[in-house]
Amino acid sequence: MKRLFYLLLPIVFLIVSVPWAFVNDTEKTLFGMPDWVIYSLVSAASFATLMALLIGFCWNISAGESDDDVIK
């Protein structure tokens, strides 16, 4: 169950990080950029951090090297 969670987490995070909510015609700006650009940049940085943490701490689980996944 843990392995499935760690494998699906990046996929779910990528779906959430797409700026779906920014389809309005209003162009709000923040730091001179549209707000959807800021959302995308923050999402990309967050995804990179998430992947670094998952690879660093959960490599053995996601690679299937735990004792629970061994077929006997």
PDB file of N, CA and C in Angstrom:
ATOM      1  N   MET A   1       0.818  -1.190   0.000  1.00  0.00           N
ATOM      2  CA  MET A   1       0.000   0.000   0.000  1.00  0.00           C
ATOM      3  C   MET A   1       0.862   1.254   0.000  1.00  0.00           C
ATOM      4  N   LYS A   2       1.941   1.225   0.781  1.00  0.00           N
ATOM      5  CA  LYS A   2       2.845   2.367   0.828  1.00  0.00           C
ATOM      6  C   LYS A   2       3.468   2.627  -0.536  1.00  0.00           C
ATOM      7  N   ARG A   3       3.842   1.557  -1.196  1.00  0.00           N
ATOM      8  CA  ARG A   3       4.500   1.684  -2.496  1.00  0.00           C
ATOM      9  C   ARG A   3       3.561   2.323  -3.515  1.00  0.00           C
ATOM     10  N   LEU A   4       2.320   1.906  -3.535  1.00  0.00           N
ATOM     11  CA  LEU A   4       1.337   2.475  -4.453  1.00  0.00           C
ATOM     12  C   LEU A   4       1.130   3.959  -4.174  1.00  0.00           C
ATOM     13  N   PHE A   5       1.079   4.328  -2.905  1.00  0.00           N
ATOM     14  CA  PHE A   5       0.936   5.737  -2.533  1.00  0.00           C
ATOM     15  C   PHE A   5       2.101   6.566  -3.058  1.00  0.00           C
ATOM     16  N   TYR A   6       3.321   6.077  -2.868  1.00  0.00           N
ATOM     17  CA  TYR A   6       4.499   6.821  -3.308  1.00  0.00           C
ATOM     18  C   TYR A   6       4.618   6.875  -4.827  1.00  0.00           C
ATOM     19  N   LEU A   7       4.063   5.905  -5.517  1.00  0.00           N
ATOM     20  CA  LEU A   7       4.090   5.931  -6.978  1.00  0.00           C
ATOM     21  C   LEU A   7       2.997   6.828  -7.560  1.00  0.00           C
ATOM     22  N   LEU A   8       1.855   6.916  -6.900  1.00  0.00           N
ATOM     23  CA  LEU A   8       0.753   7.735  -7.398  1.00  0.00           C
ATOM     24  C   LEU A   8       0.842   9.201  -6.975  1.00  0.00           C
ATOM     25  N   LEU A   9       1.555   9.488  -5.906  1.00  0.00           N
ATOM     26  CA  LEU A   9       1.656  10.853  -5.403  1.00  0.00           C
ATOM     27  C   LEU A   9       2.187  11.842  -6.445  1.00  0.00           C
ATOM     28  N   PRO A  10       3.265  11.550  -7.174  1.00  0.00           N
ATOM     29  CA  PRO A  10       3.722  12.506  -8.191  1.00  0.00           C
ATOM     30  C   PRO A  10       2.706  12.720  -9.314  1.00  0.00           C
ATOM     31  N   ILE A  11       1.979  11.682  -9.692  1.00  0.00           N
ATOM     32  CA  ILE A  11       0.988  11.824 -10.760  1.00  0.00           C
ATOM     33  C   ILE A  11      -0.142  12.744 -10.316  1.00  0.00           C
ATOM     34  N   VAL A  12      -0.625  12.534  -9.107  1.00  0.00           N
ATOM     35  CA  VAL A  12      -1.686  13.390  -8.574  1.00  0.00           C
ATOM     36  C   VAL A  12      -1.185  14.822  -8.430  1.00  0.00           C
ATOM     37  N   PHE A  13       0.037  14.986  -7.968  1.00  0.00           N
ATOM     38  CA  PHE A  13       0.598  16.324  -7.792  1.00  0.00           C
ATOM     39  C   PHE A  13       0.723  17.043  -9.131  1.00  0.00           C
ATOM     40  N   LEU A  14       1.109  16.335 -10.182  1.00  0.00           N
ATOM     41  CA  LEU A  14       1.201  16.957 -11.502  1.00  0.00           C
ATOM     42  C   LEU A  14      -0.165  17.392 -12.019  1.00  0.00           C
ATOM     43  N   ILE A  15      -1.187  16.595 -11.783  1.00  0.00           N
ATOM     44  CA  ILE A  15      -2.534  16.966 -12.222  1.00  0.00           C
ATOM     45  C   ILE A  15      -3.014  18.211 -11.483  1.00  0.00           C
ATOM     46  N   VAL A  16      -2.736  18.289 -10.190  1.00  0.00           N
ATOM     47  CA  VAL A  16      -3.145  19.447  -9.403  1.00  0.00           C
ATOM     48  C   VAL A  16      -2.335  20.688  -9.785  1.00  0.00           C
ATOM     49  N   SER A  17      -1.108  20.512 -10.225  1.00  0.00           N
ATOM     50  CA  SER A  17      -0.247  21.659 -10.502  1.00  0.00           C
ATOM     51  C   SER A  17      -0.544  22.356 -11.825  1.00  0.00           C
ATOM     52  N   VAL A  18      -1.349  21.753 -12.682  1.00  0.00           N
ATOM     53  CA  VAL A  18      -1.725  22.410 -13.937  1.00  0.00           C
ATOM     54  C   VAL A  18      -2.717  23.524 -13.610  1.00  0.00           C
ATOM     55  N   PRO A  19      -2.497  24.722 -14.125  1.00  0.00           N
ATOM     56  CA  PRO A  19      -3.366  25.856 -13.759  1.00  0.00           C
ATOM     57  C   PRO A  19      -4.739  25.800 -14.425  1.00  0.00           C
ATOM     58  N   TRP A  20      -5.560  24.810 -14.055  1.00  0.00           N
ATOM     59  CA  TRP A  20      -6.896  24.654 -14.627  1.00  0.00           C
ATOM     60  C   TRP A  20      -7.808  25.812 -14.250  1.00  0.00           C
ATOM     61  N   ALA A  21      -7.649  26.357 -13.073  1.00  0.00           N
ATOM     62  CA  ALA A  21      -8.574  27.369 -12.557  1.00  0.00           C
ATOM     63  C   ALA A  21      -8.391  28.735 -13.209  1.00  0.00           C
ATOM     64  N   PHE A  22      -7.357  28.915 -13.994  1.00  0.00           N
ATOM     65  CA  PHE A  22      -7.057  30.226 -14.548  1.00  0.00           C
ATOM     66  C   PHE A  22      -7.536  30.349 -15.987  1.00  0.00           C
ATOM     67  N   VAL A  23      -8.814  30.105 -16.220  1.00  0.00           N
ATOM     68  CA  VAL A  23      -9.365  30.214 -17.571  1.00  0.00           C
ATOM     69  C   VAL A  23     -10.149  31.508 -17.760  1.00  0.00           C
ATOM     70  N   ASN A  24     -10.185  32.360 -16.756  1.00  0.00           N
ATOM     71  CA  ASN A  24     -10.895  33.634 -16.859  1.00  0.00           C
ATOM     72  C   ASN A  24     -10.143  34.598 -17.761  1.00  0.00           C
ATOM     73  N   ASP A  25     -10.871  35.574 -18.279  1.00  0.00           N
ATOM     74  CA  ASP A  25     -10.250  36.581 -19.137  1.00  0.00           C
ATOM     75  C   ASP A  25      -9.571  37.690 -18.343  1.00  0.00           C
ATOM     76  N   THR A  26      -9.781  37.737 -17.049  1.00  0.00           N
ATOM     77  CA  THR A  26      -9.155  38.778 -16.241  1.00  0.00           C
ATOM     78  C   THR A  26      -7.670  38.469 -16.097  1.00  0.00           C
ATOM     79  N   GLU A  27      -6.878  39.468 -16.293  1.00  0.00           N
ATOM     80  CA  GLU A  27      -5.423  39.303 -16.215  1.00  0.00           C
ATOM     81  C   GLU A  27      -4.894  39.989 -14.963  1.00  0.00           C
ATOM     82  N   LYS A  28      -4.991  39.322 -13.838  1.00  0.00           N
ATOM     83  CA  LYS A  28      -4.387  39.838 -12.616  1.00  0.00           C
ATOM     84  C   LYS A  28      -2.885  39.617 -12.713  1.00  0.00           C
ATOM     85  N   THR A  29      -2.123  40.563 -12.195  1.00  0.00           N
ATOM     86  CA  THR A  29      -0.672  40.414 -12.251  1.00  0.00           C
ATOM     87  C   THR A  29      -0.093  40.445 -10.845  1.00  0.00           C
ATOM     88  N   LEU A  30       0.987  39.746 -10.702  1.00  0.00           N
ATOM     89  CA  LEU A  30       1.742  39.707  -9.463  1.00  0.00           C
ATOM     90  C   LEU A  30       3.212  39.715  -9.856  1.00  0.00           C
ATOM     91  N   PHE A  31       3.948  40.693  -9.382  1.00  0.00           N
ATOM     92  CA  PHE A  31       5.348  40.885  -9.768  1.00  0.00           C
ATOM     93  C   PHE A  31       5.484  41.064 -11.279  1.00  0.00           C
ATOM     94  N   GLY A  32       4.480  41.658 -11.920  1.00  0.00           N
ATOM     95  CA  GLY A  32       4.527  41.911 -13.353  1.00  0.00           C
ATOM     96  C   GLY A  32       4.197  40.713 -14.223  1.00  0.00           C
ATOM     97  N   MET A  33       3.811  39.598 -13.624  1.00  0.00           N
ATOM     98  CA  MET A  33       3.468  38.396 -14.387  1.00  0.00           C
ATOM     99  C   MET A  33       2.026  38.011 -14.079  1.00  0.00           C
ATOM    100  N   PRO A  34       1.355  37.363 -15.033  1.00  0.00           N
ATOM    101  CA  PRO A  34       0.002  36.878 -14.736  1.00  0.00           C
ATOM    102  C   PRO A  34       0.029  35.895 -13.562  1.00  0.00           C
ATOM    103  N   ASP A  35      -1.079  35.846 -12.833  1.00  0.00           N
ATOM    104  CA  ASP A  35      -1.102  35.004 -11.635  1.00  0.00           C
ATOM    105  C   ASP A  35      -0.946  33.520 -11.952  1.00  0.00           C
ATOM    106  N   TRP A  36      -1.339  33.078 -13.137  1.00  0.00           N
ATOM    107  CA  TRP A  36      -1.180  31.664 -13.478  1.00  0.00           C
ATOM    108  C   TRP A  36       0.293  31.304 -13.667  1.00  0.00           C
ATOM    109  N   VAL A  37       1.116  32.284 -14.053  1.00  0.00           N
ATOM    110  CA  VAL A  37       2.557  32.029 -14.193  1.00  0.00           C
ATOM    111  C   VAL A  37       3.177  31.799 -12.814  1.00  0.00           C
ATOM    112  N   ILE A  38       2.790  32.624 -11.854  1.00  0.00           N
ATOM    113  CA  ILE A  38       3.287  32.451 -10.487  1.00  0.00           C
ATOM    114  C   ILE A  38       2.863  31.088  -9.943  1.00  0.00           C
ATOM    115  N   TYR A  39       1.599  30.716 -10.185  1.00  0.00           N
ATOM    116  CA  TYR A  39       1.095  29.408  -9.751  1.00  0.00           C
ATOM    117  C   TYR A  39       1.911  28.280 -10.380  1.00  0.00           C
ATOM    118  N   SER A  40       2.215  28.398 -11.661  1.00  0.00           N
ATOM    119  CA  SER A  40       2.988  27.360 -12.347  1.00  0.00           C
ATOM    120  C   SER A  40       4.416  27.276 -11.820  1.00  0.00           C
ATOM    121  N   LEU A  41       5.032  28.413 -11.567  1.00  0.00           N
ATOM    122  CA  LEU A  41       6.400  28.414 -11.044  1.00  0.00           C
ATOM    123  C   LEU A  41       6.468  27.813  -9.638  1.00  0.00           C
ATOM    124  N   VAL A  42       5.516  28.180  -8.789  1.00  0.00           N
ATOM    125  CA  VAL A  42       5.477  27.616  -7.439  1.00  0.00           C
ATOM    126  C   VAL A  42       5.195  26.117  -7.506  1.00  0.00           C
ATOM    127  N   SER A  43       4.307  25.712  -8.398  1.00  0.00           N
ATOM    128  CA  SER A  43       4.004  24.287  -8.558  1.00  0.00           C
ATOM    129  C   SER A  43       5.223  23.509  -9.038  1.00  0.00           C
ATOM    130  N   ALA A  44       5.967  24.062  -9.978  1.00  0.00           N
ATOM    131  CA  ALA A  44       7.158  23.383 -10.488  1.00  0.00           C
ATOM    132  C   ALA A  44       8.218  23.236  -9.397  1.00  0.00           C
ATOM    133  N   ALA A  45       8.418  24.292  -8.614  1.00  0.00           N
ATOM    134  CA  ALA A  45       9.390  24.215  -7.522  1.00  0.00           C
ATOM    135  C   ALA A  45       8.933  23.217  -6.457  1.00  0.00           C
ATOM    136  N   SER A  46       7.642  23.196  -6.174  1.00  0.00           N
ATOM    137  CA  SER A  46       7.112  22.246  -5.194  1.00  0.00           C
ATOM    138  C   SER A  46       7.235  20.812  -5.688  1.00  0.00           C
ATOM    139  N   PHE A  47       6.990  20.597  -6.976  1.00  0.00           N
ATOM    140  CA  PHE A  47       7.118  19.252  -7.534  1.00  0.00           C
ATOM    141  C   PHE A  47       8.568  18.778  -7.486  1.00  0.00           C
ATOM    142  N   ALA A  48       9.503  19.672  -7.773  1.00  0.00           N
ATOM    143  CA  ALA A  48      10.919  19.307  -7.701  1.00  0.00           C
ATOM    144  C   ALA A  48      11.310  18.934  -6.270  1.00  0.00           C
ATOM    145  N   THR A  49      10.812  19.685  -5.303  1.00  0.00           N
ATOM    146  CA  THR A  49      11.080  19.375  -3.901  1.00  0.00           C
ATOM    147  C   THR A  49      10.461  18.039  -3.505  1.00  0.00           C
ATOM    148  N   LEU A  50       9.225  17.812  -3.934  1.00  0.00           N
ATOM    149  CA  LEU A  50       8.555  16.542  -3.644  1.00  0.00           C
ATOM    150  C   LEU A  50       9.336  15.368  -4.215  1.00  0.00           C
ATOM    151  N   MET A  51       9.780  15.478  -5.455  1.00  0.00           N
ATOM    152  CA  MET A  51      10.524  14.388  -6.080  1.00  0.00           C
ATOM    153  C   MET A  51      11.858  14.150  -5.377  1.00  0.00           C
ATOM    154  N   ALA A  52      12.529  15.220  -4.979  1.00  0.00           N
ATOM    155  CA  ALA A  52      13.794  15.059  -4.260  1.00  0.00           C
ATOM    156  C   ALA A  52      13.576  14.341  -2.931  1.00  0.00           C
ATOM    157  N   LEU A  53      12.504  14.692  -2.227  1.00  0.00           N
ATOM    158  CA  LEU A  53      12.206  14.027  -0.959  1.00  0.00           C
ATOM    159  C   LEU A  53      11.820  12.569  -1.167  1.00  0.00           C
ATOM    160  N   LEU A  54      10.995  12.308  -2.167  1.00  0.00           N
ATOM    161  CA  LEU A  54      10.594  10.923  -2.421  1.00  0.00           C
ATOM    162  C   LEU A  54      11.776  10.057  -2.839  1.00  0.00           C
ATOM    163  N   ILE A  55      12.623  10.581  -3.688  1.00  0.00           N
ATOM    164  CA  ILE A  55      13.796   9.813  -4.120  1.00  0.00           C
ATOM    165  C   ILE A  55      14.773   9.630  -2.963  1.00  0.00           C
ATOM    166  N   GLY A  56      14.959  10.677  -2.173  1.00  0.00           N
ATOM    167  CA  GLY A  56      15.910  10.603  -1.071  1.00  0.00           C
ATOM    168  C   GLY A  56      15.494   9.684   0.055  1.00  0.00           C
ATOM    169  N   PHE A  57      14.212   9.729   0.421  1.00  0.00           N
ATOM    170  CA  PHE A  57      13.770   8.985   1.596  1.00  0.00           C
ATOM    171  C   PHE A  57      13.032   7.693   1.278  1.00  0.00           C
ATOM    172  N   CYS A  58      12.478   7.572   0.094  1.00  0.00           N
ATOM    173  CA  CYS A  58      11.603   6.424  -0.195  1.00  0.00           C
ATOM    174  C   CYS A  58      12.075   5.613  -1.392  1.00  0.00           C
ATOM    175  N   TRP A  59      13.334   5.674  -1.720  1.00  0.00           N
ATOM    176  CA  TRP A  59      13.826   4.977  -2.907  1.00  0.00           C
ATOM    177  C   TRP A  59      13.611   3.472  -2.803  1.00  0.00           C
ATOM    178  N   ASN A  60      13.927   2.891  -1.670  1.00  0.00           N
ATOM    179  CA  ASN A  60      13.790   1.439  -1.509  1.00  0.00           C
ATOM    180  C   ASN A  60      12.341   0.989  -1.609  1.00  0.00           C
ATOM    181  N   ILE A  61      11.436   1.782  -1.096  1.00  0.00           N
ATOM    182  CA  ILE A  61      10.015   1.417  -1.149  1.00  0.00           C
ATOM    183  C   ILE A  61       9.505   1.487  -2.578  1.00  0.00           C
ATOM    184  N   SER A  62       9.814   2.572  -3.283  1.00  0.00           N
ATOM    185  CA  SER A  62       9.296   2.731  -4.648  1.00  0.00           C
ATOM    186  C   SER A  62       9.976   1.786  -5.635  1.00  0.00           C
ATOM    187  N   ALA A  63      11.194   1.373  -5.342  1.00  0.00           N
ATOM    188  CA  ALA A  63      11.897   0.455  -6.230  1.00  0.00           C
ATOM    189  C   ALA A  63      11.475  -0.990  -6.008  1.00  0.00           C
ATOM    190  N   GLY A  64      10.720  -1.238  -4.965  1.00  0.00           N
ATOM    191  CA  GLY A  64      10.244  -2.588  -4.693  1.00  0.00           C
ATOM    192  C   GLY A  64      11.278  -3.457  -4.013  1.00  0.00           C
ATOM    193  N   GLU A  65      12.207  -2.859  -3.301  1.00  0.00           N
ATOM    194  CA  GLU A  65      13.265  -3.614  -2.658  1.00  0.00           C
ATOM    195  C   GLU A  65      12.941  -3.988  -1.213  1.00  0.00           C
ATOM    196  N   SER A  66      11.722  -3.729  -0.766  1.00  0.00           N
ATOM    197  CA  SER A  66      11.387  -4.081   0.612  1.00  0.00           C
ATOM    198  C   SER A  66      11.028  -5.562   0.702  1.00  0.00           C
ATOM    199  N   ASP A  67      11.042  -6.096   1.896  1.00  0.00           N
ATOM    200  CA  ASP A  67      10.746  -7.509   2.110  1.00  0.00           C
ATOM    201  C   ASP A  67       9.285  -7.839   1.827  1.00  0.00           C
ATOM    202  N   ASP A  68       8.398  -6.855   1.912  1.00  0.00           N
ATOM    203  CA  ASP A  68       6.974  -7.093   1.698  1.00  0.00           C
ATOM    204  C   ASP A  68       6.657  -7.414   0.246  1.00  0.00           C
ATOM    205  N   ASP A  69       7.471  -6.952  -0.688  1.00  0.00           N
ATOM    206  CA  ASP A  69       7.188  -7.117  -2.105  1.00  0.00           C
ATOM    207  C   ASP A  69       7.835  -8.354  -2.721  1.00  0.00           C
ATOM    208  N   VAL A  70       8.594  -9.100  -1.949  1.00  0.00           N
ATOM    209  CA  VAL A  70       9.278 -10.275  -2.469  1.00  0.00           C
ATOM    210  C   VAL A  70       8.277 -11.414  -2.619  1.00  0.00           C
ATOM    211  N   ILE A  71       8.222 -11.993  -3.809  1.00  0.00           N
ATOM    212  CA  ILE A  71       7.327 -13.125  -4.063  1.00  0.00           C
ATOM    213  C   ILE A  71       8.042 -14.399  -3.652  1.00  0.00           C
ATOM    214  N   LYS A  72       7.386 -15.173  -2.817  1.00  0.00           N
ATOM    215  CA  LYS A  72       8.016 -16.403  -2.318  1.00  0.00           C
ATOM    216  C   LYS A  72       7.466 -17.601  -3.028  1.00  0.00           C
TER     217      LYS A  72
END
